Amino acid sequence: MYVCLCQAVKDSEVRQAVASGVEDVDQLAEVLGVGTGCGSCRDFAQTLIDEALDESLAYAA
């Protein structure tokens, strides 16, 4: 599913970015450009980042 239509970024790309060390939307914007167009995706992108971080912490525990 697309997270950012302006930059054509999918949720799988967001999860890969988190696995590579991204922890917030500002970092995601630097890496993938998410939120740099209209900005309407920023909240949803942060939710996905938080979920991915939670999953990685649960997996590590």
PDB file of N, CA and C in Angstrom:
ATOM      1  N   MET A   1       0.845  -1.170   0.000  1.00  0.00           N
ATOM      2  CA  MET A   1       0.000   0.000   0.000  1.00  0.00           C
ATOM      3  C   MET A   1       0.891   1.234   0.000  1.00  0.00           C
ATOM      4  N   TYR A   2       0.422   2.262  -0.671  1.00  0.00           N
ATOM      5  CA  TYR A   2       1.180   3.514  -0.715  1.00  0.00           C
ATOM      6  C   TYR A   2       0.993   4.299   0.575  1.00  0.00           C
ATOM      7  N   VAL A   3       2.075   4.800   1.080  1.00  0.00           N
ATOM      8  CA  VAL A   3       2.074   5.666   2.252  1.00  0.00           C
ATOM      9  C   VAL A   3       2.105   7.116   1.797  1.00  0.00           C
ATOM     10  N   CYS A   4       2.958   7.399   0.825  1.00  0.00           N
ATOM     11  CA  CYS A   4       3.136   8.747   0.292  1.00  0.00           C
ATOM     12  C   CYS A   4       2.891   8.723  -1.210  1.00  0.00           C
ATOM     13  N   LEU A   5       1.788   9.298  -1.621  1.00  0.00           N
ATOM     14  CA  LEU A   5       1.461   9.324  -3.049  1.00  0.00           C
ATOM     15  C   LEU A   5       2.360  10.290  -3.812  1.00  0.00           C
ATOM     16  N   CYS A   6       2.716  11.396  -3.197  1.00  0.00           N
ATOM     17  CA  CYS A   6       3.549  12.392  -3.874  1.00  0.00           C
ATOM     18  C   CYS A   6       4.895  11.810  -4.300  1.00  0.00           C
ATOM     19  N   GLN A   7       5.456  10.947  -3.463  1.00  0.00           N
ATOM     20  CA  GLN A   7       6.774  10.369  -3.739  1.00  0.00           C
ATOM     21  C   GLN A   7       6.688   8.882  -4.116  1.00  0.00           C
ATOM     22  N   ALA A   8       5.460   8.343  -4.189  1.00  0.00           N
ATOM     23  CA  ALA A   8       5.225   6.936  -4.547  1.00  0.00           C
ATOM     24  C   ALA A   8       5.999   5.975  -3.640  1.00  0.00           C
ATOM     25  N   VAL A   9       5.866   6.180  -2.327  1.00  0.00           N
ATOM     26  CA  VAL A   9       6.555   5.346  -1.347  1.00  0.00           C
ATOM     27  C   VAL A   9       5.547   4.382  -0.727  1.00  0.00           C
ATOM     28  N   LYS A  10       5.916   3.119  -0.705  1.00  0.00           N
ATOM     29  CA  LYS A  10       5.045   2.072  -0.161  1.00  0.00           C
ATOM     30  C   LYS A  10       5.426   1.736   1.277  1.00  0.00           C
ATOM     31  N   ASP A  11       4.494   1.092   1.975  1.00  0.00           N
ATOM     32  CA  ASP A  11       4.722   0.714   3.368  1.00  0.00           C
ATOM     33  C   ASP A  11       5.925  -0.216   3.511  1.00  0.00           C
ATOM     34  N   SER A  12       6.154  -1.073   2.543  1.00  0.00           N
ATOM     35  CA  SER A  12       7.305  -1.979   2.618  1.00  0.00           C
ATOM     36  C   SER A  12       8.615  -1.192   2.600  1.00  0.00           C
ATOM     37  N   GLU A  13       8.647  -0.090   1.870  1.00  0.00           N
ATOM     38  CA  GLU A  13       9.842   0.750   1.834  1.00  0.00           C
ATOM     39  C   GLU A  13      10.054   1.456   3.171  1.00  0.00           C
ATOM     40  N   VAL A  14       8.953   1.851   3.811  1.00  0.00           N
ATOM     41  CA  VAL A  14       9.048   2.478   5.133  1.00  0.00           C
ATOM     42  C   VAL A  14       9.607   1.471   6.128  1.00  0.00           C
ATOM     43  N   ARG A  15       9.102   0.241   6.084  1.00  0.00           N
ATOM     44  CA  ARG A  15       9.586  -0.801   7.009  1.00  0.00           C
ATOM     45  C   ARG A  15      11.066  -1.107   6.770  1.00  0.00           C
ATOM     46  N   GLN A  16      11.490  -1.125   5.525  1.00  0.00           N
ATOM     47  CA  GLN A  16      12.905  -1.341   5.215  1.00  0.00           C
ATOM     48  C   GLN A  16      13.757  -0.198   5.761  1.00  0.00           C
ATOM     49  N   ALA A  17      13.250   1.009   5.644  1.00  0.00           N
ATOM     50  CA  ALA A  17      13.983   2.171   6.158  1.00  0.00           C
ATOM     51  C   ALA A  17      14.124   2.084   7.673  1.00  0.00           C
ATOM     52  N   VAL A  18      13.059   1.652   8.348  1.00  0.00           N
ATOM     53  CA  VAL A  18      13.117   1.487   9.803  1.00  0.00           C
ATOM     54  C   VAL A  18      14.149   0.420  10.160  1.00  0.00           C
ATOM     55  N   ALA A  19      14.157  -0.670   9.414  1.00  0.00           N
ATOM     56  CA  ALA A  19      15.135  -1.733   9.658  1.00  0.00           C
ATOM     57  C   ALA A  19      16.563  -1.227   9.458  1.00  0.00           C
ATOM     58  N   SER A  20      16.714  -0.182   8.658  1.00  0.00           N
ATOM     59  CA  SER A  20      18.031   0.406   8.400  1.00  0.00           C
ATOM     60  C   SER A  20      18.390   1.521   9.371  1.00  0.00           C
ATOM     61  N   GLY A  21      17.485   1.807  10.319  1.00  0.00           N
ATOM     62  CA  GLY A  21      17.811   2.782  11.354  1.00  0.00           C
ATOM     63  C   GLY A  21      16.940   4.017  11.433  1.00  0.00           C
ATOM     64  N   VAL A  22      15.997   4.186  10.514  1.00  0.00           N
ATOM     65  CA  VAL A  22      15.104   5.350  10.558  1.00  0.00           C
ATOM     66  C   VAL A  22      14.180   5.224  11.767  1.00  0.00           C
ATOM     67  N   GLU A  23      14.020   6.331  12.519  1.00  0.00           N
ATOM     68  CA  GLU A  23      13.199   6.302  13.720  1.00  0.00           C
ATOM     69  C   GLU A  23      12.104   7.354  13.755  1.00  0.00           C
ATOM     70  N   ASP A  24      12.094   8.290  12.786  1.00  0.00           N
ATOM     71  CA  ASP A  24      11.032   9.289  12.765  1.00  0.00           C
ATOM     72  C   ASP A  24      10.802   9.794  11.347  1.00  0.00           C
ATOM     73  N   VAL A  25       9.756  10.583  11.181  1.00  0.00           N
ATOM     74  CA  VAL A  25       9.351  11.053   9.857  1.00  0.00           C
ATOM     75  C   VAL A  25      10.400  11.972   9.238  1.00  0.00           C
ATOM     76  N   ASP A  26      11.069  12.760  10.048  1.00  0.00           N
ATOM     77  CA  ASP A  26      12.095  13.647   9.495  1.00  0.00           C
ATOM     78  C   ASP A  26      13.231  12.841   8.864  1.00  0.00           C
ATOM     79  N   GLN A  27      13.642  11.783   9.523  1.00  0.00           N
ATOM     80  CA  GLN A  27      14.664  10.911   8.952  1.00  0.00           C
ATOM     81  C   GLN A  27      14.128  10.219   7.698  1.00  0.00           C
ATOM     82  N   LEU A  28      12.871   9.801   7.738  1.00  0.00           N
ATOM     83  CA  LEU A  28      12.254   9.148   6.583  1.00  0.00           C
ATOM     84  C   LEU A  28      12.185  10.101   5.397  1.00  0.00           C
ATOM     85  N   ALA A  29      11.931  11.367   5.671  1.00  0.00           N
ATOM     86  CA  ALA A  29      11.900  12.375   4.612  1.00  0.00           C
ATOM     87  C   ALA A  29      13.262  12.509   3.945  1.00  0.00           C
ATOM     88  N   GLU A  30      14.319  12.439   4.746  1.00  0.00           N
ATOM     89  CA  GLU A  30      15.673  12.524   4.196  1.00  0.00           C
ATOM     90  C   GLU A  30      15.994  11.324   3.313  1.00  0.00           C
ATOM     91  N   VAL A  31      15.539  10.150   3.724  1.00  0.00           N
ATOM     92  CA  VAL A  31      15.880   8.916   3.025  1.00  0.00           C
ATOM     93  C   VAL A  31      14.988   8.672   1.809  1.00  0.00           C
ATOM     94  N   LEU A  32      13.654   8.837   1.990  1.00  0.00           N
ATOM     95  CA  LEU A  32      12.705   8.475   0.934  1.00  0.00           C
ATOM     96  C   LEU A  32      11.885   9.640   0.394  1.00  0.00           C
ATOM     97  N   GLY A  33      11.992  10.800   1.022  1.00  0.00           N
ATOM     98  CA  GLY A  33      11.217  11.945   0.567  1.00  0.00           C
ATOM     99  C   GLY A  33       9.793  11.985   1.091  1.00  0.00           C
ATOM    100  N   VAL A  34       9.460  11.065   1.987  1.00  0.00           N
ATOM    101  CA  VAL A  34       8.102  11.011   2.539  1.00  0.00           C
ATOM    102  C   VAL A  34       7.789  12.306   3.282  1.00  0.00           C
ATOM    103  N   GLY A  35       6.624  12.874   3.000  1.00  0.00           N
ATOM    104  CA  GLY A  35       6.186  14.076   3.689  1.00  0.00           C
ATOM    105  C   GLY A  35       6.749  15.366   3.138  1.00  0.00           C
ATOM    106  N   THR A  36       7.485  15.297   2.047  1.00  0.00           N
ATOM    107  CA  THR A  36       8.098  16.506   1.496  1.00  0.00           C
ATOM    108  C   THR A  36       7.256  17.156   0.405  1.00  0.00           C
ATOM    109  N   GLY A  37       6.167  16.488   0.005  1.00  0.00           N
ATOM    110  CA  GLY A  37       5.255  17.064  -0.988  1.00  0.00           C
ATOM    111  C   GLY A  37       4.146  17.802  -0.257  1.00  0.00           C
ATOM    112  N   CYS A  38       2.965  17.227  -0.281  1.00  0.00           N
ATOM    113  CA  CYS A  38       1.815  17.868   0.360  1.00  0.00           C
ATOM    114  C   CYS A  38       1.836  17.723   1.879  1.00  0.00           C
ATOM    115  N   GLY A  39       2.524  16.677   2.380  1.00  0.00           N
ATOM    116  CA  GLY A  39       2.652  16.491   3.827  1.00  0.00           C
ATOM    117  C   GLY A  39       1.518  15.750   4.499  1.00  0.00           C
ATOM    118  N   SER A  40       0.489  15.384   3.765  1.00  0.00           N
ATOM    119  CA  SER A  40      -0.661  14.724   4.390  1.00  0.00           C
ATOM    120  C   SER A  40      -0.349  13.303   4.863  1.00  0.00           C
ATOM    121  N   CYS A  41       0.759  12.740   4.460  1.00  0.00           N
ATOM    122  CA  CYS A  41       1.111  11.375   4.831  1.00  0.00           C
ATOM    123  C   CYS A  41       1.937  11.295   6.112  1.00  0.00           C
ATOM    124  N   ARG A  42       2.363  12.406   6.635  1.00  0.00           N
ATOM    125  CA  ARG A  42       3.312  12.399   7.755  1.00  0.00           C
ATOM    126  C   ARG A  42       2.792  11.643   8.980  1.00  0.00           C
ATOM    127  N   ASP A  43       1.542  11.841   9.357  1.00  0.00           N
ATOM    128  CA  ASP A  43       1.004  11.148  10.531  1.00  0.00           C
ATOM    129  C   ASP A  43       0.946   9.641  10.308  1.00  0.00           C
ATOM    130  N   PHE A  44       0.461   9.239   9.129  1.00  0.00           N
ATOM    131  CA  PHE A  44       0.378   7.817   8.823  1.00  0.00           C
ATOM    132  C   PHE A  44       1.775   7.196   8.753  1.00  0.00           C
ATOM    133  N   ALA A  45       2.709   7.902   8.171  1.00  0.00           N
ATOM    134  CA  ALA A  45       4.084   7.403   8.089  1.00  0.00           C
ATOM    135  C   ALA A  45       4.667   7.212   9.484  1.00  0.00           C
ATOM    136  N   GLN A  46       4.418   8.153  10.387  1.00  0.00           N
ATOM    137  CA  GLN A  46       4.927   8.006  11.753  1.00  0.00           C
ATOM    138  C   GLN A  46       4.284   6.817  12.453  1.00  0.00           C
ATOM    139  N   THR A  47       3.007   6.585  12.199  1.00  0.00           N
ATOM    140  CA  THR A  47       2.333   5.410  12.762  1.00  0.00           C
ATOM    141  C   THR A  47       3.004   4.128  12.285  1.00  0.00           C
ATOM    142  N   LEU A  48       3.308   4.054  10.999  1.00  0.00           N
ATOM    143  CA  LEU A  48       3.994   2.876  10.468  1.00  0.00           C
ATOM    144  C   LEU A  48       5.389   2.718  11.065  1.00  0.00           C
ATOM    145  N   ILE A  49       6.090   3.812  11.223  1.00  0.00           N
ATOM    146  CA  ILE A  49       7.414   3.757  11.843  1.00  0.00           C
ATOM    147  C   ILE A  49       7.303   3.218  13.261  1.00  0.00           C
ATOM    148  N   ASP A  50       6.358   3.745  14.025  1.00  0.00           N
ATOM    149  CA  ASP A  50       6.169   3.300  15.407  1.00  0.00           C
ATOM    150  C   ASP A  50       5.830   1.817  15.470  1.00  0.00           C
ATOM    151  N   GLU A  51       4.958   1.364  14.584  1.00  0.00           N
ATOM    152  CA  GLU A  51       4.591  -0.055  14.543  1.00  0.00           C
ATOM    153  C   GLU A  51       5.801  -0.922  14.216  1.00  0.00           C
ATOM    154  N   ALA A  52       6.570  -0.509  13.249  1.00  0.00           N
ATOM    155  CA  ALA A  52       7.749  -1.276  12.853  1.00  0.00           C
ATOM    156  C   ALA A  52       8.781  -1.313  13.978  1.00  0.00           C
ATOM    157  N   LEU A  53       8.952  -0.194  14.669  1.00  0.00           N
ATOM    158  CA  LEU A  53       9.875  -0.163  15.806  1.00  0.00           C
ATOM    159  C   LEU A  53       9.385  -1.068  16.926  1.00  0.00           C
ATOM    160  N   ASP A  54       8.083  -1.045  17.212  1.00  0.00           N
ATOM    161  CA  ASP A  54       7.513  -1.908  18.235  1.00  0.00           C
ATOM    162  C   ASP A  54       7.707  -3.378  17.886  1.00  0.00           C
ATOM    163  N   GLU A  55       7.493  -3.709  16.604  1.00  0.00           N
ATOM    164  CA  GLU A  55       7.672  -5.095  16.159  1.00  0.00           C
ATOM    165  C   GLU A  55       9.124  -5.526  16.317  1.00  0.00           C
ATOM    166  N   SER A  56      10.049  -4.668  15.972  1.00  0.00           N
ATOM    167  CA  SER A  56      11.460  -5.037  16.081  1.00  0.00           C
ATOM    168  C   SER A  56      11.879  -5.195  17.541  1.00  0.00           C
ATOM    169  N   LEU A  57      11.321  -4.368  18.421  1.00  0.00           N
ATOM    170  CA  LEU A  57      11.627  -4.509  19.849  1.00  0.00           C
ATOM    171  C   LEU A  57      11.032  -5.787  20.426  1.00  0.00           C
ATOM    172  N   ALA A  58       9.810  -6.109  20.014  1.00  0.00           N
ATOM    173  CA  ALA A  58       9.166  -7.333  20.489  1.00  0.00           C
ATOM    174  C   ALA A  58       9.908  -8.563  19.987  1.00  0.00           C
ATOM    175  N   TYR A  59      10.397  -8.498  18.763  1.00  0.00           N
ATOM    176  CA  TYR A  59      11.129  -9.612  18.180  1.00  0.00           C
ATOM    177  C   TYR A  59      12.474  -9.808  18.870  1.00  0.00           C
ATOM    178  N   ALA A  60      13.078  -8.693  19.245  1.00  0.00           N
ATOM    179  CA  ALA A  60      14.393  -8.755  19.891  1.00  0.00           C
ATOM    180  C   ALA A  60      14.318  -9.258  21.322  1.00  0.00           C
ATOM    181  N   ALA A  61      13.153  -9.094  21.947  1.00  0.00           N
ATOM    182  CA  ALA A  61      13.005  -9.477  23.356  1.00  0.00           C
ATOM    183  C   ALA A  61      12.815 -10.922  23.557  1.00  0.00           C
TER     184      ALA A  61
END
